[in-house]
Structure formats: C-alpha cells, structure tokens
Amino acid sequence: MLDWIGLDWIDSHGHKNTVLKVACNDNGNWFVSASRDCMLRLFDIRMMKELQVFRGHEKEVNCTSQVSA
C-alpha cells in the first residue's frame, strides 16, 4: 500500500529518527507512522500532508495498529 510513498519520504517529512512501523486505515487514505523519535505521526495520503503529531511517549514507538476512518 505504501510502496509508492516509501519510508524515505516519511522519514524526511517530520520524523527525526528511524520510522519503525507504518499502518494504513481501511480505505487507504491515511497512515500512521511510529518512530524512534518517540512520536506517532498521522498523514493524509491523498494530500501528502501531515495531519497530527502524537507526542508524549517516553521511549521509541515501535508498533501501530490499523487506523479507523
């Protein structure tokens, strides 16, 4: 699903460390990325835009779950 975007694009658009996991929602319009920078980021694939940053984790975020629309 995210092959055409690539982790390099995700890394270069917000995360300050390695992206460890990515998950899409059911219709493929959004994805969440989890990173060693202790953040999750929500992106809109259609607009290629970051929608939300989830801060507050004390350690790296190494898993995600499917995002509901």
N, C-alpha and C. Protein backbone atom coordinates (compact mmCIF):
# COMPACT_ATOMS: atom_id res chain seq x y z
N MET A 1 0.82 -1.20 0.00
CA MET A 1 0.00 0.00 0.00
C MET A 1 0.86 1.26 0.00
N LEU A 2 1.89 1.29 0.83
CA LEU A 2 2.70 2.50 0.94
C LEU A 2 3.98 2.41 0.13
N ASP A 3 4.11 1.42 -0.73
CA ASP A 3 5.33 1.25 -1.51
C ASP A 3 5.65 2.48 -2.35
N TRP A 4 4.63 3.14 -2.90
CA TRP A 4 4.86 4.28 -3.77
C TRP A 4 5.30 5.51 -2.99
N ILE A 5 5.05 5.56 -1.69
CA ILE A 5 5.50 6.69 -0.88
C ILE A 5 6.93 6.44 -0.41
N GLY A 6 7.16 5.32 0.20
CA GLY A 6 8.49 4.94 0.68
C GLY A 6 8.80 5.51 2.05
N LEU A 7 9.55 4.75 2.81
CA LEU A 7 9.91 5.20 4.15
C LEU A 7 10.84 6.40 4.12
N ASP A 8 11.60 6.59 3.06
CA ASP A 8 12.45 7.77 2.96
C ASP A 8 11.61 9.04 2.96
N TRP A 9 10.47 9.02 2.26
CA TRP A 9 9.59 10.19 2.25
C TRP A 9 9.05 10.44 3.64
N ILE A 10 8.61 9.39 4.31
CA ILE A 10 8.06 9.54 5.66
C ILE A 10 9.14 10.07 6.60
N ASP A 11 10.34 9.50 6.53
CA ASP A 11 11.45 9.96 7.38
C ASP A 11 11.75 11.43 7.15
N SER A 12 11.69 11.88 5.92
CA SER A 12 12.07 13.26 5.60
C SER A 12 10.94 14.25 5.84
N HIS A 13 9.76 13.80 6.18
CA HIS A 13 8.62 14.69 6.41
C HIS A 13 8.16 14.64 7.86
N GLY A 14 9.08 14.92 8.76
CA GLY A 14 8.66 15.07 10.14
C GLY A 14 9.45 14.28 11.16
N HIS A 15 9.64 13.00 10.95
CA HIS A 15 10.35 12.22 11.95
C HIS A 15 11.81 12.61 12.00
N LYS A 16 12.36 12.61 13.21
CA LYS A 16 13.75 12.97 13.40
C LYS A 16 14.62 11.74 13.68
N ASN A 17 14.02 10.56 13.54
CA ASN A 17 14.75 9.32 13.73
C ASN A 17 14.07 8.24 12.88
N THR A 18 14.55 7.04 12.96
CA THR A 18 14.09 5.94 12.12
C THR A 18 12.61 5.63 12.33
N VAL A 19 11.89 5.46 11.23
CA VAL A 19 10.50 5.01 11.27
C VAL A 19 10.52 3.49 11.43
N LEU A 20 9.81 3.00 12.44
CA LEU A 20 9.83 1.58 12.75
C LEU A 20 8.60 0.84 12.23
N LYS A 21 7.47 1.52 12.13
CA LYS A 21 6.24 0.85 11.70
C LYS A 21 5.31 1.86 11.04
N VAL A 22 4.52 1.37 10.06
CA VAL A 22 3.53 2.19 9.37
C VAL A 22 2.26 1.37 9.24
N ALA A 23 1.10 2.00 9.46
CA ALA A 23 -0.20 1.33 9.28
C ALA A 23 -1.17 2.27 8.58
N CYS A 24 -1.97 1.70 7.66
CA CYS A 24 -2.98 2.46 6.91
C CYS A 24 -4.36 2.24 7.50
N ASN A 25 -5.27 3.17 7.17
CA ASN A 25 -6.66 2.94 7.54
C ASN A 25 -7.31 2.05 6.48
N ASP A 26 -8.58 1.69 6.70
CA ASP A 26 -9.29 0.74 5.84
C ASP A 26 -9.33 1.16 4.37
N ASN A 27 -9.57 2.43 4.10
CA ASN A 27 -9.71 2.87 2.70
C ASN A 27 -8.39 3.37 2.10
N GLY A 28 -7.32 3.35 2.87
CA GLY A 28 -6.01 3.72 2.35
C GLY A 28 -5.78 5.20 2.20
N ASN A 29 -6.61 6.04 2.83
CA ASN A 29 -6.44 7.49 2.72
C ASN A 29 -5.48 8.07 3.74
N TRP A 30 -5.30 7.39 4.87
CA TRP A 30 -4.44 7.88 5.94
C TRP A 30 -3.47 6.79 6.34
N PHE A 31 -2.36 7.21 6.92
CA PHE A 31 -1.48 6.25 7.57
C PHE A 31 -0.85 6.88 8.80
N VAL A 32 -0.48 6.02 9.73
CA VAL A 32 0.21 6.42 10.95
C VAL A 32 1.61 5.82 10.90
N SER A 33 2.60 6.63 11.25
CA SER A 33 3.97 6.13 11.31
C SER A 33 4.46 6.23 12.76
N ALA A 34 5.20 5.21 13.19
CA ALA A 34 5.77 5.15 14.53
C ALA A 34 7.28 5.20 14.40
N SER A 35 7.94 5.92 15.31
CA SER A 35 9.37 6.17 15.12
C SER A 35 10.16 6.08 16.43
N ARG A 36 11.46 5.99 16.25
CA ARG A 36 12.38 6.03 17.39
C ARG A 36 12.45 7.42 18.01
N ASP A 37 11.85 8.41 17.38
CA ASP A 37 11.86 9.77 17.95
C ASP A 37 10.76 9.97 18.99
N CYS A 38 10.14 8.87 19.42
CA CYS A 38 9.11 8.87 20.48
C CYS A 38 7.81 9.52 20.04
N MET A 39 7.54 9.53 18.74
CA MET A 39 6.32 10.14 18.21
C MET A 39 5.60 9.24 17.21
N LEU A 40 4.29 9.44 17.13
CA LEU A 40 3.47 8.90 16.05
C LEU A 40 3.04 10.09 15.20
N ARG A 41 2.95 9.88 13.90
CA ARG A 41 2.51 10.94 13.00
C ARG A 41 1.41 10.40 12.10
N LEU A 42 0.35 11.18 11.95
CA LEU A 42 -0.78 10.82 11.09
C LEU A 42 -0.69 11.63 9.81
N PHE A 43 -0.72 10.95 8.67
CA PHE A 43 -0.60 11.59 7.36
C PHE A 43 -1.84 11.31 6.51
N ASP A 44 -2.22 12.27 5.69
CA ASP A 44 -3.25 12.09 4.67
C ASP A 44 -2.52 11.79 3.37
N ILE A 45 -2.70 10.60 2.84
CA ILE A 45 -2.00 10.16 1.63
C ILE A 45 -2.45 10.96 0.41
N ARG A 46 -3.74 11.27 0.33
CA ARG A 46 -4.25 11.99 -0.84
C ARG A 46 -3.64 13.37 -0.96
N MET A 47 -3.45 14.05 0.16
CA MET A 47 -2.88 15.40 0.14
C MET A 47 -1.37 15.40 0.40
N MET A 48 -0.80 14.22 0.73
CA MET A 48 0.62 14.11 1.08
C MET A 48 0.95 15.14 2.16
N LYS A 49 0.13 15.13 3.23
CA LYS A 49 0.23 16.15 4.27
C LYS A 49 0.14 15.50 5.65
N GLU A 50 0.93 16.01 6.57
CA GLU A 50 0.84 15.56 7.95
C GLU A 50 -0.37 16.21 8.61
N LEU A 51 -1.20 15.40 9.28
CA LEU A 51 -2.40 15.90 9.93
C LEU A 51 -2.24 16.10 11.43
N GLN A 52 -1.46 15.23 12.08
CA GLN A 52 -1.38 15.25 13.54
C GLN A 52 -0.06 14.62 13.99
N VAL A 53 0.49 15.16 15.06
CA VAL A 53 1.66 14.57 15.71
C VAL A 53 1.23 14.17 17.11
N PHE A 54 1.52 12.94 17.48
CA PHE A 54 1.20 12.44 18.81
C PHE A 54 2.50 12.33 19.61
N ARG A 55 2.67 13.24 20.55
CA ARG A 55 3.87 13.31 21.39
C ARG A 55 3.55 12.77 22.78
N GLY A 56 4.60 12.54 23.55
CA GLY A 56 4.39 12.17 24.94
C GLY A 56 4.91 10.79 25.30
N HIS A 57 5.26 9.99 24.32
CA HIS A 57 5.84 8.69 24.63
C HIS A 57 7.23 8.90 25.23
N GLU A 58 7.56 8.12 26.23
CA GLU A 58 8.86 8.27 26.89
C GLU A 58 9.95 7.47 26.18
N LYS A 59 9.56 6.50 25.39
CA LYS A 59 10.51 5.67 24.66
C LYS A 59 10.07 5.59 23.20
N GLU A 60 10.91 4.97 22.38
CA GLU A 60 10.57 4.84 20.95
C GLU A 60 9.24 4.13 20.78
N VAL A 61 8.54 4.50 19.74
CA VAL A 61 7.25 3.88 19.41
C VAL A 61 7.52 2.84 18.33
N ASN A 62 7.28 1.57 18.66
CA ASN A 62 7.68 0.51 17.75
C ASN A 62 6.52 -0.31 17.20
N CYS A 63 5.28 0.18 17.40
CA CYS A 63 4.16 -0.53 16.80
C CYS A 63 3.02 0.44 16.53
N THR A 64 2.17 0.08 15.60
CA THR A 64 0.96 0.82 15.28
C THR A 64 -0.15 -0.19 15.07
N SER A 65 -1.34 0.30 14.93
CA SER A 65 -2.49 -0.54 14.62
C SER A 65 -3.23 0.10 13.46
N GLN A 66 -4.07 -0.67 12.81
CA GLN A 66 -4.83 -0.11 11.70
C GLN A 66 -5.68 1.06 12.19
N VAL A 67 -5.70 2.12 11.40
CA VAL A 67 -6.41 3.35 11.74
C VAL A 67 -7.83 3.26 11.22
N SER A 68 -8.82 3.53 12.07
CA SER A 68 -10.22 3.55 11.64
C SER A 68 -10.56 4.90 11.03
N ALA A 69 -11.38 4.88 10.00
CA ALA A 69 -11.76 6.12 9.32
C ALA A 69 -12.72 6.92 10.16
